[in-house]
Amino acid sequence: MAAPLISIVTPAFDVAPFIGDAVASARAQSLTRWEMVIVDDGSRDGTALAAERAAEGDPRIRILRQANAGVSAARMAGIGAAAGGALLFLDADDWLAPDALARLSAALDGAPGAVAAYGPWAAVAEGARPGDPPLRLKPGPYPAGDILKRLLVENLLANGGHLLARRAAFEAAGGFRPSLRYGEDWECWIRLALAGPFATVEGREPLLHVRERGGSAYRRMARDPAAFAPAMAAIWENPALADRLGPATAARIRRRAQAENDWVVGKELLRHGARAEGLRVLRASALAAPSLKRLALLAAAHSLPALPARLHGPFARYPEARGA
């Protein structure tokens, strides 16, 4: 079989109920020159068996098994076993649109100097299946070209499932750091952006559908300021960043990034039911990086008790926090 054009790398840990949808979405791609490397990262729920069943009869799909080592280590193991010249990192509980690889590949082919291409995605409920309506669409517009400064302030990607990276550029940037347990993808995208420009996919239809799961790392960790610290340290201690930006610009963008992180922490505290603490953090963030939009959202956050739940928008409580 000819070397695949795209390698889909999928880390998997205790996702037996969901991984079948991820595999099926790969098999449904309109672009057929791909391989999928699934790395079962020490699952205890039969994830590997569920993946084998979903992949049955398709030689493009391989399943590796390893002791639990974390998502970054699993991705790096998958890359080591992959043969494609371009890489996409599909989480095992998400699924791709049928034309995702075709659109991403076209965007990357159309920008020979780009190190990666990315584009729209959608959030779906934990129990959603392909074809169900999304909770939210994230159609963009997404910045193209040199996105480093934007990316330093906030992670523009839900995850690596709506990004296609040139393998040579990704490997030169250093890949994922297994030492990071939260924000590891953001830190990796920043190093990739240091290496070159990003291309964007045409159209507003989502490439990727991302499950919002109660047990996700984001939901567990994003309300804790300490969770951001290791990734922030890895990002800002990178000497290549200081060389690119200069000390004054780096210091300014770092303050803006910290304010953005604090906004996420405050929002998540509210969503988990910690109202007083969440409002305090949101106020500090808005003071550090004021904007009309942020100030309007801050006013809305203070008004939540007077608003019906359907108008709580980004501050809507998680199901497990309702009544708290």
Protein backbone atom coordinates (compact mmCIF):
# COMPACT_ATOMS: atom_id res chain seq x y z
CA MET A 1 0.00 0.00 0.00
CA ALA A 2 1.32 3.47 -0.87
CA ALA A 3 2.43 5.67 2.01
CA PRO A 4 -0.62 7.49 3.38
CA LEU A 5 -1.02 11.18 2.76
CA ILE A 6 -2.40 11.88 6.24
CA SER A 7 -1.84 10.11 9.55
CA ILE A 8 -4.68 10.44 12.06
CA VAL A 9 -3.21 9.95 15.54
CA THR A 10 -5.75 9.14 18.25
CA PRO A 11 -4.85 8.76 21.94
CA ALA A 12 -7.47 6.77 23.81
CA PHE A 13 -8.09 6.31 27.53
CA ASP A 14 -11.33 4.82 28.86
CA VAL A 15 -13.45 5.95 25.90
CA ALA A 16 -15.09 2.66 24.91
CA PRO A 17 -18.57 4.24 24.47
CA PHE A 18 -17.25 6.90 22.09
CA ILE A 19 -14.32 5.61 20.07
CA GLY A 20 -16.53 3.85 17.53
CA ASP A 21 -17.80 7.23 16.32
CA ALA A 22 -14.25 8.53 15.94
CA VAL A 23 -13.21 5.50 13.89
CA ALA A 24 -16.38 5.59 11.79
CA SER A 25 -15.77 9.26 10.99
CA ALA A 26 -12.30 8.43 9.70
CA ARG A 27 -13.64 5.61 7.56
CA ALA A 28 -16.29 7.96 6.12
CA GLN A 29 -13.76 10.51 4.81
CA SER A 30 -14.15 11.62 1.21
CA LEU A 31 -10.35 11.75 0.98
CA THR A 32 -9.26 8.13 1.24
CA ARG A 33 -5.45 8.30 1.47
CA TRP A 34 -5.07 8.23 5.24
CA GLU A 35 -4.06 5.93 8.06
CA MET A 36 -5.24 5.95 11.66
CA VAL A 37 -3.01 5.05 14.59
CA ILE A 38 -4.96 4.56 17.82
CA VAL A 39 -2.90 4.43 21.02
CA ASP A 40 -4.75 2.77 23.89
CA ASP A 41 -3.16 4.52 26.87
CA GLY A 42 -3.76 1.86 29.53
CA SER A 43 -7.57 1.86 29.31
CA ARG A 44 -9.57 -0.20 31.81
CA ASP A 45 -12.95 -0.25 30.06
CA GLY A 46 -12.35 -2.24 26.88
CA THR A 47 -11.45 0.74 24.71
CA ALA A 48 -9.02 -1.27 22.57
CA LEU A 49 -11.63 -3.96 21.92
CA ALA A 50 -14.21 -1.33 20.96
CA ALA A 51 -11.67 0.21 18.58
CA GLU A 52 -10.89 -3.17 17.03
CA ARG A 53 -14.56 -3.81 16.39
CA ALA A 54 -15.04 -0.40 14.79
CA ALA A 55 -11.94 -0.84 12.62
CA GLU A 56 -12.62 -4.42 11.54
CA GLY A 57 -11.66 -5.06 7.94
CA ASP A 58 -9.87 -1.74 7.40
CA PRO A 59 -6.08 -2.18 7.07
CA ARG A 60 -5.56 1.58 7.32
CA ILE A 61 -6.30 1.44 11.06
CA ARG A 62 -3.82 0.16 13.64
CA ILE A 63 -4.18 -0.08 17.41
CA LEU A 64 -1.22 0.19 19.77
CA ARG A 65 -1.32 -0.50 23.50
CA GLN A 66 0.81 1.04 26.25
CA ALA A 67 0.74 1.52 30.00
CA ASN A 68 -0.96 4.76 30.98
CA ALA A 69 1.44 7.63 30.35
CA GLY A 70 -0.82 10.57 29.50
CA VAL A 71 -2.21 12.09 26.35
CA SER A 72 1.05 13.69 25.14
CA ALA A 73 3.03 10.48 25.50
CA ALA A 74 0.27 8.58 23.69
CA ARG A 75 0.27 11.06 20.82
CA MET A 76 4.05 10.88 20.51
CA ALA A 77 3.90 7.07 20.44
CA GLY A 78 1.32 7.30 17.66
CA ILE A 79 3.48 9.69 15.67
CA GLY A 80 6.40 7.31 16.02
CA ALA A 81 4.34 4.54 14.45
CA ALA A 82 2.78 6.73 11.75
CA ALA A 83 3.99 7.07 8.17
CA GLY A 84 2.08 10.07 6.80
CA GLY A 85 3.57 13.34 5.69
CA ALA A 86 0.83 15.28 7.47
CA LEU A 87 -0.58 14.75 10.96
CA LEU A 88 -4.02 15.24 12.51
CA PHE A 89 -4.68 14.58 16.20
CA LEU A 90 -8.24 13.28 16.59
CA ASP A 91 -9.36 12.74 20.18
CA ALA A 92 -11.07 9.40 20.65
CA ASP A 93 -14.33 10.92 21.91
CA ASP A 94 -14.74 13.37 18.99
CA TRP A 95 -15.58 12.84 15.33
CA LEU A 96 -14.66 14.38 11.99
CA ALA A 97 -16.98 15.77 9.34
CA PRO A 98 -16.86 13.56 6.20
CA ASP A 99 -14.99 16.22 4.21
CA ALA A 100 -12.62 17.28 7.01
CA LEU A 101 -9.44 15.73 5.61
CA ALA A 102 -10.22 16.91 2.07
CA ARG A 103 -10.76 20.52 3.17
CA LEU A 104 -7.73 20.60 5.45
CA SER A 105 -5.53 19.01 2.82
CA ALA A 106 -6.70 21.49 0.19
CA ALA A 107 -5.92 24.40 2.50
CA LEU A 108 -2.45 23.08 3.26
CA ASP A 109 -1.71 22.28 -0.38
CA GLY A 110 -2.84 25.79 -1.33
CA ALA A 111 -0.34 27.39 1.06
CA PRO A 112 3.04 25.74 0.39
CA GLY A 113 4.79 27.87 3.00
CA ALA A 114 2.32 27.06 5.78
CA VAL A 115 3.23 24.66 8.59
CA ALA A 116 -0.40 23.79 9.35
CA ALA A 117 -4.01 24.41 8.36
CA TYR A 118 -7.04 24.69 10.65
CA GLY A 119 -10.65 25.79 10.62
CA PRO A 120 -14.18 25.62 12.06
CA TRP A 121 -15.42 23.20 14.72
CA ALA A 122 -18.56 22.56 16.75
CA ALA A 123 -19.26 21.58 20.35
CA VAL A 124 -21.69 18.71 20.95
CA ALA A 125 -23.28 17.17 24.01
CA GLU A 126 -21.57 14.24 25.72
CA GLY A 127 -24.18 11.78 24.53
CA ALA A 128 -24.47 13.17 20.99
CA ARG A 129 -24.08 11.03 17.91
CA PRO A 130 -23.09 12.06 14.37
CA GLY A 131 -26.02 13.89 12.82
CA ASP A 132 -27.28 15.37 16.11
CA PRO A 133 -27.44 19.18 16.26
CA PRO A 134 -24.45 20.88 17.90
CA LEU A 135 -24.57 22.87 21.12
CA ARG A 136 -22.46 25.64 19.58
CA LEU A 137 -20.77 26.37 16.28
CA LYS A 138 -17.30 27.94 16.12
CA PRO A 139 -17.20 29.05 12.47
CA GLY A 140 -14.52 31.71 12.82
CA PRO A 141 -13.21 33.77 11.15
CA TYR A 142 -9.84 32.33 12.12
CA PRO A 143 -6.62 34.29 11.59
CA ALA A 144 -4.20 33.08 8.93
CA GLY A 145 -0.53 33.72 8.34
CA ASP A 146 1.63 34.59 11.33
CA ILE A 147 -0.78 33.83 14.18
CA LEU A 148 1.84 33.69 16.93
CA LYS A 149 0.78 36.79 18.85
CA ARG A 150 -2.90 35.81 18.75
CA LEU A 151 -2.09 32.27 19.77
CA LEU A 152 0.01 33.44 22.70
CA VAL A 153 -2.97 35.27 24.15
CA GLU A 154 -5.42 32.38 23.77
CA ASN A 155 -5.59 28.90 22.35
CA LEU A 156 -7.44 29.29 19.05
CA LEU A 157 -8.03 25.54 18.72
CA ALA A 158 -10.38 23.21 20.56
CA ASN A 159 -7.80 20.46 20.06
CA GLY A 160 -5.72 18.93 17.28
CA GLY A 161 -8.69 17.36 15.49
CA HIS A 162 -9.30 20.42 13.32
CA LEU A 163 -5.64 21.06 12.54
CA LEU A 164 -3.51 19.37 9.89
CA ALA A 165 0.24 19.86 10.41
CA ARG A 166 3.09 19.14 8.05
CA ARG A 167 5.00 16.35 9.71
CA ALA A 168 8.44 17.84 9.03
CA ALA A 169 7.46 21.16 10.63
CA PHE A 170 5.76 19.47 13.57
CA GLU A 171 8.77 17.30 14.33
CA ALA A 172 11.17 20.23 13.94
CA ALA A 173 9.06 22.15 16.47
CA GLY A 174 9.53 19.33 18.97
CA GLY A 175 6.11 17.72 19.27
CA PHE A 176 4.07 17.37 22.47
CA ARG A 177 5.72 17.53 25.89
CA PRO A 178 4.72 14.54 28.06
CA SER A 179 5.57 16.55 31.18
CA LEU A 180 2.56 18.83 30.58
CA ARG A 181 -0.85 17.51 31.63
CA TYR A 182 -2.93 20.60 30.84
CA GLY A 183 -2.42 23.12 28.04
CA GLU A 184 0.02 20.74 26.35
CA ASP A 185 -1.59 21.26 22.95
CA TRP A 186 -1.58 25.07 23.28
CA GLU A 187 2.12 25.05 24.14
CA CYS A 188 2.79 22.79 21.14
CA TRP A 189 0.81 24.97 18.70
CA ILE A 190 2.81 27.99 19.83
CA ARG A 191 6.09 26.26 19.00
CA LEU A 192 4.59 25.27 15.65
CA ALA A 193 3.54 28.89 15.01
CA LEU A 194 7.11 29.97 15.75
CA ALA A 195 8.15 27.75 12.84
CA GLY A 196 5.88 29.32 10.23
CA PRO A 197 2.45 30.57 9.12
CA PHE A 198 -0.90 28.81 9.43
CA ALA A 199 -3.44 28.43 6.63
CA THR A 200 -7.20 28.44 7.15
CA VAL A 201 -9.90 26.26 5.65
CA GLU A 202 -12.55 27.79 3.40
CA GLY A 203 -16.16 27.71 4.54
CA ARG A 204 -17.94 27.85 7.89
CA GLU A 205 -19.06 24.23 8.22
CA PRO A 206 -17.33 22.43 11.12
CA LEU A 207 -14.45 20.09 10.42
CA LEU A 208 -14.68 18.55 13.87
CA HIS A 209 -17.33 17.79 16.47
CA VAL A 210 -16.02 18.02 20.04
CA ARG A 211 -17.85 16.31 22.89
CA GLU A 212 -18.30 18.34 26.06
CA ARG A 213 -17.75 15.61 28.63
CA GLY A 214 -18.19 15.94 32.36
CA GLY A 215 -14.92 14.11 32.99
CA SER A 216 -12.80 16.11 30.55
CA ALA A 217 -9.51 17.64 31.63
CA TYR A 218 -10.85 21.08 30.74
CA ARG A 219 -13.88 20.76 32.98
CA ARG A 220 -11.78 19.35 35.82
CA MET A 221 -8.89 21.78 35.65
CA ALA A 222 -9.81 25.06 33.94
CA ARG A 223 -11.20 26.61 37.16
CA ASP A 224 -7.84 26.18 38.92
CA PRO A 225 -5.27 28.93 38.23
CA ALA A 226 -2.46 26.52 39.14
CA ALA A 227 -3.45 24.24 36.24
CA PHE A 228 -2.25 26.88 33.74
CA ALA A 229 1.13 27.44 35.39
CA PRO A 230 3.22 24.59 33.87
CA ALA A 231 2.14 25.34 30.30
CA MET A 232 2.62 29.08 30.82
CA ALA A 233 6.12 28.47 32.15
CA ALA A 234 6.99 26.22 29.20
CA ILE A 235 5.66 28.80 26.74
CA TRP A 236 7.36 31.87 28.16
CA GLU A 237 10.67 30.24 29.09
CA ASN A 238 11.20 29.32 25.43
CA PRO A 239 14.21 31.45 24.32
CA ALA A 240 12.97 31.45 20.73
CA LEU A 241 9.95 33.45 21.85
CA ALA A 242 12.02 36.20 23.43
CA ASP A 243 14.20 36.32 20.32
CA ARG A 244 11.15 36.71 18.07
CA LEU A 245 9.22 39.26 20.12
CA GLY A 246 11.77 41.25 22.09
CA PRO A 247 11.51 41.75 25.89
CA ALA A 248 8.97 44.58 25.95
CA THR A 249 6.51 42.96 23.53
CA ALA A 250 6.89 39.58 25.23
CA ALA A 251 6.11 41.10 28.64
CA ARG A 252 3.04 42.89 27.28
CA ILE A 253 1.63 39.81 25.57
CA ARG A 254 2.33 37.66 28.61
CA ARG A 255 0.25 40.02 30.79
CA ARG A 256 -2.55 39.84 28.24
CA ALA A 257 -2.33 36.04 28.16
CA GLN A 258 -2.52 35.88 31.95
CA ALA A 259 -5.63 38.05 31.89
CA GLU A 260 -7.17 35.70 29.32
CA ASN A 261 -6.36 32.67 31.48
CA ASP A 262 -7.94 34.42 34.46
CA TRP A 263 -11.08 35.08 32.44
CA VAL A 264 -11.33 31.37 31.66
CA VAL A 265 -10.82 30.53 35.36
CA GLY A 266 -13.53 32.98 36.43
CA LYS A 267 -15.99 31.72 33.82
CA GLU A 268 -15.40 28.13 34.83
CA LEU A 269 -15.80 28.94 38.52
CA LEU A 270 -19.21 30.40 37.71
CA ARG A 271 -20.13 27.36 35.65
CA HIS A 272 -19.21 25.14 38.59
CA GLY A 273 -21.37 27.18 40.98
CA ALA A 274 -18.62 29.20 42.77
CA ARG A 275 -20.29 32.55 42.09
CA ALA A 276 -18.46 34.91 44.47
CA GLU A 277 -15.00 33.63 43.60
CA GLY A 278 -15.79 33.53 39.90
CA LEU A 279 -16.97 37.14 39.83
CA ARG A 280 -13.87 38.25 41.72
CA VAL A 281 -11.58 36.61 39.16
CA LEU A 282 -13.60 37.96 36.23
CA ARG A 283 -13.37 41.52 37.61
CA ALA A 284 -9.60 41.24 37.98
CA SER A 285 -9.27 39.92 34.43
CA ALA A 286 -11.43 42.70 32.96
CA LEU A 287 -9.41 45.30 34.86
CA ALA A 288 -6.13 43.86 33.52
CA ALA A 289 -7.34 43.72 29.91
CA PRO A 290 -10.48 45.85 29.47
CA SER A 291 -12.58 45.82 26.32
CA LEU A 292 -16.18 46.77 25.58
CA LYS A 293 -17.12 43.13 24.95
CA ARG A 294 -15.49 41.93 28.15
CA LEU A 295 -17.06 44.68 30.24
CA ALA A 296 -20.48 43.83 28.79
CA LEU A 297 -19.94 40.16 29.63
CA LEU A 298 -18.83 41.11 33.14
CA ALA A 299 -22.04 43.08 33.64
CA ALA A 300 -24.03 40.09 32.39
CA ALA A 301 -22.17 37.78 34.80
CA HIS A 302 -23.20 39.98 37.72
CA SER A 303 -26.81 39.90 36.50
CA LEU A 304 -27.14 36.12 36.18
CA PRO A 305 -29.55 35.65 39.13
CA ALA A 306 -32.03 38.00 37.41
CA LEU A 307 -31.76 36.31 34.02
CA PRO A 308 -33.48 33.12 32.85
CA ALA A 309 -31.10 30.17 32.48
CA ARG A 310 -31.43 30.20 28.69
CA LEU A 311 -29.71 33.62 28.66
CA HIS A 312 -26.71 32.65 30.78
CA GLY A 313 -24.63 32.00 27.66
CA PRO A 314 -20.94 31.29 28.39
CA PHE A 315 -21.65 31.35 32.14
CA ALA A 316 -24.34 28.65 32.11
CA ARG A 317 -23.82 26.20 34.95
CA TYR A 318 -22.80 22.65 34.25
CA PRO A 319 -25.56 20.10 34.96
CA GLU A 320 -23.72 18.77 38.01
CA ALA A 321 -23.48 22.30 39.47
CA ARG A 322 -27.13 23.27 39.10
CA GLY A 323 -28.68 23.95 42.44
CA ALA A 324 -25.29 24.69 43.98
